[in-house]
PDB file of N, CA and C in Angstrom:
ATOM      1  N   MET A   1      31.411  -8.016  -0.537  1.00  0.00           N
ATOM      2  CA  MET A   1      32.481  -7.653  -1.443  1.00  0.00           C
ATOM      3  C   MET A   1      31.885  -6.943  -2.655  1.00  0.00           C
ATOM      4  N   PRO A   2      32.467  -5.826  -3.070  1.00  0.00           N
ATOM      5  CA  PRO A   2      31.930  -5.100  -4.219  1.00  0.00           C
ATOM      6  C   PRO A   2      32.144  -5.864  -5.525  1.00  0.00           C
ATOM      7  N   THR A   3      31.256  -5.648  -6.458  1.00  0.00           N
ATOM      8  CA  THR A   3      31.369  -6.211  -7.791  1.00  0.00           C
ATOM      9  C   THR A   3      31.780  -5.101  -8.733  1.00  0.00           C
ATOM     10  N   LYS A   4      32.843  -5.306  -9.480  1.00  0.00           N
ATOM     11  CA  LYS A   4      33.318  -4.293 -10.416  1.00  0.00           C
ATOM     12  C   LYS A   4      32.798  -4.651 -11.807  1.00  0.00           C
ATOM     13  N   PHE A   5      31.983  -3.783 -12.392  1.00  0.00           N
ATOM     14  CA  PHE A   5      31.394  -4.035 -13.703  1.00  0.00           C
ATOM     15  C   PHE A   5      32.292  -3.567 -14.830  1.00  0.00           C
ATOM     16  N   SER A   6      33.028  -2.517 -14.592  1.00  0.00           N
ATOM     17  CA  SER A   6      33.987  -1.991 -15.560  1.00  0.00           C
ATOM     18  C   SER A   6      35.037  -1.246 -14.763  1.00  0.00           C
ATOM     19  N   SER A   7      35.898  -0.568 -15.446  1.00  0.00           N
ATOM     20  CA  SER A   7      36.926   0.184 -14.727  1.00  0.00           C
ATOM     21  C   SER A   7      36.337   1.375 -13.988  1.00  0.00           C
ATOM     22  N   ASP A   8      35.083   1.702 -14.267  1.00  0.00           N
ATOM     23  CA  ASP A   8      34.488   2.895 -13.684  1.00  0.00           C
ATOM     24  C   ASP A   8      33.274   2.649 -12.788  1.00  0.00           C
ATOM     25  N   VAL A   9      32.703   1.466 -12.788  1.00  0.00           N
ATOM     26  CA  VAL A   9      31.466   1.230 -12.038  1.00  0.00           C
ATOM     27  C   VAL A   9      31.658   0.103 -11.033  1.00  0.00           C
ATOM     28  N   VAL A  10      31.316   0.394  -9.776  1.00  0.00           N
ATOM     29  CA  VAL A  10      31.436  -0.601  -8.709  1.00  0.00           C
ATOM     30  C   VAL A  10      30.087  -0.739  -8.024  1.00  0.00           C
ATOM     31  N   GLN A  11      29.660  -1.989  -7.819  1.00  0.00           N
ATOM     32  CA  GLN A  11      28.412  -2.250  -7.110  1.00  0.00           C
ATOM     33  C   GLN A  11      28.720  -2.795  -5.724  1.00  0.00           C
ATOM     34  N   TYR A  12      28.180  -2.123  -4.716  1.00  0.00           N
ATOM     35  CA  TYR A  12      28.321  -2.575  -3.335  1.00  0.00           C
ATOM     36  C   TYR A  12      27.016  -3.220  -2.904  1.00  0.00           C
ATOM     37  N   PRO A  13      27.083  -4.217  -2.024  1.00  0.00           N
ATOM     38  CA  PRO A  13      25.849  -4.749  -1.452  1.00  0.00           C
ATOM     39  C   PRO A  13      25.089  -3.602  -0.765  1.00  0.00           C
ATOM     40  N   PRO A  14      23.766  -3.664  -0.721  1.00  0.00           N
ATOM     41  CA  PRO A  14      22.977  -2.559  -0.169  1.00  0.00           C
ATOM     42  C   PRO A  14      23.421  -2.090   1.220  1.00  0.00           C
ATOM     43  N   GLN A  15      23.735  -3.012   2.107  1.00  0.00           N
ATOM     44  CA  GLN A  15      24.158  -2.630   3.457  1.00  0.00           C
ATOM     45  C   GLN A  15      25.484  -1.870   3.421  1.00  0.00           C
ATOM     46  N   ARG A  16      26.417  -2.335   2.598  1.00  0.00           N
ATOM     47  CA  ARG A  16      27.723  -1.665   2.498  1.00  0.00           C
ATOM     48  C   ARG A  16      27.570  -0.291   1.861  1.00  0.00           C
ATOM     49  N   LEU A  17      26.705  -0.164   0.874  1.00  0.00           N
ATOM     50  CA  LEU A  17      26.460   1.142   0.253  1.00  0.00           C
ATOM     51  C   LEU A  17      25.895   2.118   1.277  1.00  0.00           C
ATOM     52  N   ALA A  18      24.992   1.631   2.131  1.00  0.00           N
ATOM     53  CA  ALA A  18      24.428   2.478   3.187  1.00  0.00           C
ATOM     54  C   ALA A  18      25.517   2.915   4.160  1.00  0.00           C
ATOM     55  N   GLU A  19      26.418   1.996   4.518  1.00  0.00           N
ATOM     56  CA  GLU A  19      27.528   2.341   5.418  1.00  0.00           C
ATOM     57  C   GLU A  19      28.454   3.369   4.779  1.00  0.00           C
ATOM     58  N   LEU A  20      28.759   3.184   3.500  1.00  0.00           N
ATOM     59  CA  LEU A  20      29.612   4.144   2.799  1.00  0.00           C
ATOM     60  C   LEU A  20      28.936   5.510   2.715  1.00  0.00           C
ATOM     61  N   GLY A  21      27.625   5.504   2.523  1.00  0.00           N
ATOM     62  CA  GLY A  21      26.875   6.758   2.483  1.00  0.00           C
ATOM     63  C   GLY A  21      26.968   7.502   3.805  1.00  0.00           C
ATOM     64  N   GLN A  22      26.851   6.777   4.906  1.00  0.00           N
ATOM     65  CA  GLN A  22      26.971   7.398   6.234  1.00  0.00           C
ATOM     66  C   GLN A  22      28.358   7.997   6.423  1.00  0.00           C
ATOM     67  N   LEU A  23      29.364   7.254   6.024  1.00  0.00           N
ATOM     68  CA  LEU A  23      30.735   7.737   6.148  1.00  0.00           C
ATOM     69  C   LEU A  23      30.966   8.946   5.232  1.00  0.00           C
ATOM     70  N   ALA A  24      30.435   8.884   4.025  1.00  0.00           N
ATOM     71  CA  ALA A  24      30.602   9.990   3.079  1.00  0.00           C
ATOM     72  C   ALA A  24      29.886  11.248   3.546  1.00  0.00           C
ATOM     73  N   ALA A  25      28.796  11.087   4.287  1.00  0.00           N
ATOM     74  CA  ALA A  25      28.015  12.236   4.747  1.00  0.00           C
ATOM     75  C   ALA A  25      28.546  12.833   6.049  1.00  0.00           C
ATOM     76  N   ALA A  26      29.465  12.149   6.702  1.00  0.00           N
ATOM     77  CA  ALA A  26      30.002  12.628   7.979  1.00  0.00           C
ATOM     78  C   ALA A  26      30.722  13.961   7.794  1.00  0.00           C
ATOM     79  N   GLU A  27      30.706  14.773   8.841  1.00  0.00           N
ATOM     80  CA  GLU A  27      31.285  16.115   8.766  1.00  0.00           C
ATOM     81  C   GLU A  27      32.756  16.116   8.358  1.00  0.00           C
ATOM     82  N   ASN A  28      33.548  15.240   8.906  1.00  0.00           N
ATOM     83  CA  ASN A  28      34.972  15.164   8.562  1.00  0.00           C
ATOM     84  C   ASN A  28      35.253  13.945   7.694  1.00  0.00           C
ATOM     85  N   SER A  29      34.430  13.739   6.701  1.00  0.00           N
ATOM     86  CA  SER A  29      34.512  12.567   5.845  1.00  0.00           C
ATOM     87  C   SER A  29      35.816  12.530   5.049  1.00  0.00           C
ATOM     88  N   PRO A  30      36.386  11.337   4.912  1.00  0.00           N
ATOM     89  CA  PRO A  30      37.562  11.194   4.055  1.00  0.00           C
ATOM     90  C   PRO A  30      37.190  11.172   2.567  1.00  0.00           C
ATOM     91  N   PHE A  31      35.881  11.134   2.274  1.00  0.00           N
ATOM     92  CA  PHE A  31      35.431  11.086   0.888  1.00  0.00           C
ATOM     93  C   PHE A  31      35.468  12.481   0.269  1.00  0.00           C
ATOM     94  N   SER A  32      36.064  12.577  -0.891  1.00  0.00           N
ATOM     95  CA  SER A  32      36.083  13.849  -1.619  1.00  0.00           C
ATOM     96  C   SER A  32      34.743  14.030  -2.333  1.00  0.00           C
ATOM     97  N   LEU A  33      34.540  15.212  -2.871  1.00  0.00           N
ATOM     98  CA  LEU A  33      33.340  15.471  -3.663  1.00  0.00           C
ATOM     99  C   LEU A  33      33.264  14.478  -4.820  1.00  0.00           C
ATOM    100  N   SER A  34      34.373  14.250  -5.465  1.00  0.00           N
ATOM    101  CA  SER A  34      34.417  13.306  -6.585  1.00  0.00           C
ATOM    102  C   SER A  34      34.027  11.899  -6.137  1.00  0.00           C
ATOM    103  N   ASP A  35      34.477  11.495  -4.956  1.00  0.00           N
ATOM    104  CA  ASP A  35      34.103  10.181  -4.413  1.00  0.00           C
ATOM    105  C   ASP A  35      32.601  10.078  -4.203  1.00  0.00           C
ATOM    106  N   ARG A  36      32.012  11.124  -3.615  1.00  0.00           N
ATOM    107  CA  ARG A  36      30.568  11.105  -3.334  1.00  0.00           C
ATOM    108  C   ARG A  36      29.761  11.096  -4.630  1.00  0.00           C
ATOM    109  N   ILE A  37      30.192  11.886  -5.586  1.00  0.00           N
ATOM    110  CA  ILE A  37      29.506  11.892  -6.879  1.00  0.00           C
ATOM    111  C   ILE A  37      29.627  10.519  -7.528  1.00  0.00           C
ATOM    112  N   GLY A  38      30.786   9.909  -7.420  1.00  0.00           N
ATOM    113  CA  GLY A  38      30.980   8.568  -7.982  1.00  0.00           C
ATOM    114  C   GLY A  38      30.085   7.528  -7.345  1.00  0.00           C
ATOM    115  N   LEU A  39      29.936   7.582  -6.025  1.00  0.00           N
ATOM    116  CA  LEU A  39      29.036   6.646  -5.344  1.00  0.00           C
ATOM    117  C   LEU A  39      27.608   6.793  -5.857  1.00  0.00           C
ATOM    118  N   VAL A  40      27.159   8.036  -5.965  1.00  0.00           N
ATOM    119  CA  VAL A  40      25.795   8.299  -6.449  1.00  0.00           C
ATOM    120  C   VAL A  40      25.663   7.862  -7.904  1.00  0.00           C
ATOM    121  N   ALA A  41      26.639   8.219  -8.722  1.00  0.00           N
ATOM    122  CA  ALA A  41      26.579   7.865 -10.146  1.00  0.00           C
ATOM    123  C   ALA A  41      26.528   6.359 -10.346  1.00  0.00           C
ATOM    124  N   ASP A  42      27.379   5.633  -9.621  1.00  0.00           N
ATOM    125  CA  ASP A  42      27.384   4.172  -9.738  1.00  0.00           C
ATOM    126  C   ASP A  42      26.061   3.572  -9.273  1.00  0.00           C
ATOM    127  N   ALA A  43      25.562   4.047  -8.140  1.00  0.00           N
ATOM    128  CA  ALA A  43      24.301   3.507  -7.612  1.00  0.00           C
ATOM    129  C   ALA A  43      23.152   3.746  -8.584  1.00  0.00           C
ATOM    130  N   LEU A  44      23.105   4.937  -9.163  1.00  0.00           N
ATOM    131  CA  LEU A  44      22.027   5.239 -10.116  1.00  0.00           C
ATOM    132  C   LEU A  44      22.187   4.457 -11.419  1.00  0.00           C
ATOM    133  N   ALA A  45      23.405   4.373 -11.931  1.00  0.00           N
ATOM    134  CA  ALA A  45      23.634   3.639 -13.183  1.00  0.00           C
ATOM    135  C   ALA A  45      23.288   2.160 -13.024  1.00  0.00           C
ATOM    136  N   LEU A  46      23.679   1.572 -11.903  1.00  0.00           N
ATOM    137  CA  LEU A  46      23.390   0.161 -11.680  1.00  0.00           C
ATOM    138  C   LEU A  46      21.905  -0.097 -11.475  1.00  0.00           C
ATOM    139  N   SER A  47      21.218   0.817 -10.816  1.00  0.00           N
ATOM    140  CA  SER A  47      19.771   0.623 -10.647  1.00  0.00           C
ATOM    141  C   SER A  47      19.052   0.819 -11.980  1.00  0.00           C
ATOM    142  N   LYS A  48      19.520   1.773 -12.768  1.00  0.00           N
ATOM    143  CA  LYS A  48      18.918   2.001 -14.088  1.00  0.00           C
ATOM    144  C   LYS A  48      19.097   0.777 -15.000  1.00  0.00           C
ATOM    145  N   ALA A  49      20.246   0.101 -14.863  1.00  0.00           N
ATOM    146  CA  ALA A  49      20.528  -1.085 -15.669  1.00  0.00           C
ATOM    147  C   ALA A  49      19.896  -2.352 -15.097  1.00  0.00           C
ATOM    148  N   GLY A  50      19.288  -2.257 -13.911  1.00  0.00           N
ATOM    149  CA  GLY A  50      18.627  -3.407 -13.315  1.00  0.00           C
ATOM    150  C   GLY A  50      19.528  -4.294 -12.474  1.00  0.00           C
ATOM    151  N   TYR A  51      20.746  -3.847 -12.172  1.00  0.00           N
ATOM    152  CA  TYR A  51      21.670  -4.641 -11.375  1.00  0.00           C
ATOM    153  C   TYR A  51      21.547  -4.388  -9.879  1.00  0.00           C
ATOM    154  N   SER A  52      20.875  -3.322  -9.497  1.00  0.00           N
ATOM    155  CA  SER A  52      20.624  -3.041  -8.085  1.00  0.00           C
ATOM    156  C   SER A  52      19.271  -2.350  -7.973  1.00  0.00           C
ATOM    157  N   THR A  53      18.843  -2.141  -6.755  1.00  0.00           N
ATOM    158  CA  THR A  53      17.518  -1.550  -6.566  1.00  0.00           C
ATOM    159  C   THR A  53      17.577  -0.025  -6.595  1.00  0.00           C
ATOM    160  N   VAL A  54      16.497   0.551  -7.053  1.00  0.00           N
ATOM    161  CA  VAL A  54      16.373   2.004  -7.042  1.00  0.00           C
ATOM    162  C   VAL A  54      16.371   2.505  -5.603  1.00  0.00           C
ATOM    163  N   SER A  55      15.789   1.722  -4.710  1.00  0.00           N
ATOM    164  CA  SER A  55      15.721   2.143  -3.307  1.00  0.00           C
ATOM    165  C   SER A  55      17.107   2.307  -2.693  1.00  0.00           C
ATOM    166  N   SER A  56      18.075   1.483  -3.084  1.00  0.00           N
ATOM    167  CA  SER A  56      19.447   1.638  -2.580  1.00  0.00           C
ATOM    168  C   SER A  56      20.038   2.967  -3.035  1.00  0.00           C
ATOM    169  N   ALA A  57      19.839   3.299  -4.292  1.00  0.00           N
ATOM    170  CA  ALA A  57      20.349   4.570  -4.820  1.00  0.00           C
ATOM    171  C   ALA A  57      19.656   5.751  -4.145  1.00  0.00           C
ATOM    172  N   LEU A  58      18.352   5.654  -3.971  1.00  0.00           N
ATOM    173  CA  LEU A  58      17.618   6.749  -3.337  1.00  0.00           C
ATOM    174  C   LEU A  58      17.994   6.907  -1.866  1.00  0.00           C
ATOM    175  N   GLN A  59      18.270   5.796  -1.194  1.00  0.00           N
ATOM    176  CA  GLN A  59      18.705   5.865   0.203  1.00  0.00           C
ATOM    177  C   GLN A  59      20.046   6.582   0.302  1.00  0.00           C
ATOM    178  N   LEU A  60      20.956   6.279  -0.626  1.00  0.00           N
ATOM    179  CA  LEU A  60      22.252   6.957  -0.640  1.00  0.00           C
ATOM    180  C   LEU A  60      22.068   8.456  -0.851  1.00  0.00           C
ATOM    181  N   ILE A  61      21.244   8.821  -1.813  1.00  0.00           N
ATOM    182  CA  ILE A  61      20.977  10.238  -2.085  1.00  0.00           C
ATOM    183  C   ILE A  61      20.375  10.900  -0.857  1.00  0.00           C
ATOM    184  N   SER A  62      19.461  10.227  -0.206  1.00  0.00           N
ATOM    185  CA  SER A  62      18.837  10.763   0.996  1.00  0.00           C
ATOM    186  C   SER A  62      19.870  10.983   2.100  1.00  0.00           C
ATOM    187  N   THR A  63      20.777  10.040   2.256  1.00  0.00           N
ATOM    188  CA  THR A  63      21.821  10.157   3.272  1.00  0.00           C
ATOM    189  C   THR A  63      22.718  11.361   3.002  1.00  0.00           C
ATOM    190  N   LEU A  64      23.007  11.625   1.740  1.00  0.00           N
ATOM    191  CA  LEU A  64      23.905  12.721   1.368  1.00  0.00           C
ATOM    192  C   LEU A  64      23.187  14.064   1.258  1.00  0.00           C
ATOM    193  N   ARG A  65      21.900  14.107   1.463  1.00  0.00           N
ATOM    194  CA  ARG A  65      21.124  15.327   1.229  1.00  0.00           C
ATOM    195  C   ARG A  65      21.516  16.495   2.126  1.00  0.00           C
ATOM    196  N   ASP A  66      22.134  16.237   3.263  1.00  0.00           N
ATOM    197  CA  ASP A  66      22.476  17.302   4.185  1.00  0.00           C
ATOM    198  C   ASP A  66      23.861  17.900   3.955  1.00  0.00           C
ATOM    199  N   GLU A  67      24.494  17.529   2.855  1.00  0.00           N
ATOM    200  CA  GLU A  67      25.791  18.124   2.554  1.00  0.00           C
ATOM    201  C   GLU A  67      25.648  19.626   2.449  1.00  0.00           C
ATOM    202  N   LYS A  68      26.637  20.324   2.906  1.00  0.00           N
ATOM    203  CA  LYS A  68      26.572  21.788   2.887  1.00  0.00           C
ATOM    204  C   LYS A  68      27.181  22.347   1.609  1.00  0.00           C
ATOM    205  N   GLU A  69      28.492  22.462   1.554  1.00  0.00           N
ATOM    206  CA  GLU A  69      29.152  23.127   0.440  1.00  0.00           C
ATOM    207  C   GLU A  69      29.060  22.358  -0.859  1.00  0.00           C
ATOM    208  N   ARG A  70      28.927  21.035  -0.779  1.00  0.00           N
ATOM    209  CA  ARG A  70      29.039  20.202  -1.975  1.00  0.00           C
ATOM    210  C   ARG A  70      27.695  19.764  -2.515  1.00  0.00           C
ATOM    211  N   GLU A  71      26.663  20.100  -1.846  1.00  0.00           N
ATOM    212  CA  GLU A  71      25.320  19.631  -2.168  1.00  0.00           C
ATOM    213  C   GLU A  71      24.958  19.873  -3.636  1.00  0.00           C
ATOM    214  N   THR A  72      25.232  21.050  -4.134  1.00  0.00           N
ATOM    215  CA  THR A  72      24.830  21.405  -5.490  1.00  0.00           C
ATOM    216  C   THR A  72      25.461  20.480  -6.514  1.00  0.00           C
ATOM    217  N   ASP A  73      26.749  20.192  -6.391  1.00  0.00           N
ATOM    218  CA  ASP A  73      27.426  19.345  -7.369  1.00  0.00           C
ATOM    219  C   ASP A  73      26.880  17.919  -7.373  1.00  0.00           C
ATOM    220  N   VAL A  74      26.615  17.377  -6.194  1.00  0.00           N
ATOM    221  CA  VAL A  74      26.069  16.029  -6.124  1.00  0.00           C
ATOM    222  C   VAL A  74      24.687  15.989  -6.771  1.00  0.00           C
ATOM    223  N   TYR A  75      23.850  16.962  -6.458  1.00  0.00           N
ATOM    224  CA  TYR A  75      22.499  16.953  -7.016  1.00  0.00           C
ATOM    225  C   TYR A  75      22.471  17.286  -8.499  1.00  0.00           C
ATOM    226  N   LEU A  76      23.416  18.070  -8.989  1.00  0.00           N
ATOM    227  CA  LEU A  76      23.516  18.290 -10.429  1.00  0.00           C
ATOM    228  C   LEU A  76      23.829  16.977 -11.133  1.00  0.00           C
ATOM    229  N   ARG A  77      24.699  16.177 -10.540  1.00  0.00           N
ATOM    230  CA  ARG A  77      25.032  14.873 -11.111  1.00  0.00           C
ATOM    231  C   ARG A  77      23.830  13.934 -11.069  1.00  0.00           C
ATOM    232  N   VAL A  78      23.104  13.947  -9.974  1.00  0.00           N
ATOM    233  CA  VAL A  78      21.897  13.138  -9.870  1.00  0.00           C
ATOM    234  C   VAL A  78      20.927  13.539 -10.969  1.00  0.00           C
ATOM    235  N   ASN A  79      20.740  14.825 -11.156  1.00  0.00           N
ATOM    236  CA  ASN A  79      19.847  15.326 -12.191  1.00  0.00           C
ATOM    237  C   ASN A  79      20.296  14.873 -13.579  1.00  0.00           C
ATOM    238  N   ASP A  80      21.587  14.935 -13.856  1.00  0.00           N
ATOM    239  CA  ASP A  80      22.116  14.489 -15.151  1.00  0.00           C
ATOM    240  C   ASP A  80      21.809  13.021 -15.390  1.00  0.00           C
ATOM    241  N   LEU A  81      21.977  12.207 -14.367  1.00  0.00           N
ATOM    242  CA  LEU A  81      21.777  10.773 -14.514  1.00  0.00           C
ATOM    243  C   LEU A  81      20.313  10.375 -14.614  1.00  0.00           C
ATOM    244  N   CYS A  82      19.458  11.147 -13.984  1.00  0.00           N
ATOM    245  CA  CYS A  82      18.028  10.823 -14.017  1.00  0.00           C
ATOM    246  C   CYS A  82      17.333  11.401 -15.239  1.00  0.00           C
ATOM    247  N   GLY A  83      17.884  12.436 -15.788  1.00  0.00           N
ATOM    248  CA  GLY A  83      17.261  13.153 -16.892  1.00  0.00           C
ATOM    249  C   GLY A  83      17.277  12.401 -18.146  1.00  0.00           C
TER     250      GLY A  83
END
């Protein structure tokens, strides 16, 4: 079950985050660009705050790396959060 830290940040257990990443990366994914960016943003923010592992966030990013049209926006967000 996800843990909601605020109205904007949700933490999923590592296995569930990996499953969501697979679904988000699928060719006909129901996840919008905003959804994918949100998953990455939450995973990075929670790992930065020490509430989850960096490896979970990096695994999600790795799973989404093959996005075609949306790749730039997701990675720009990753860059903003890591910078």
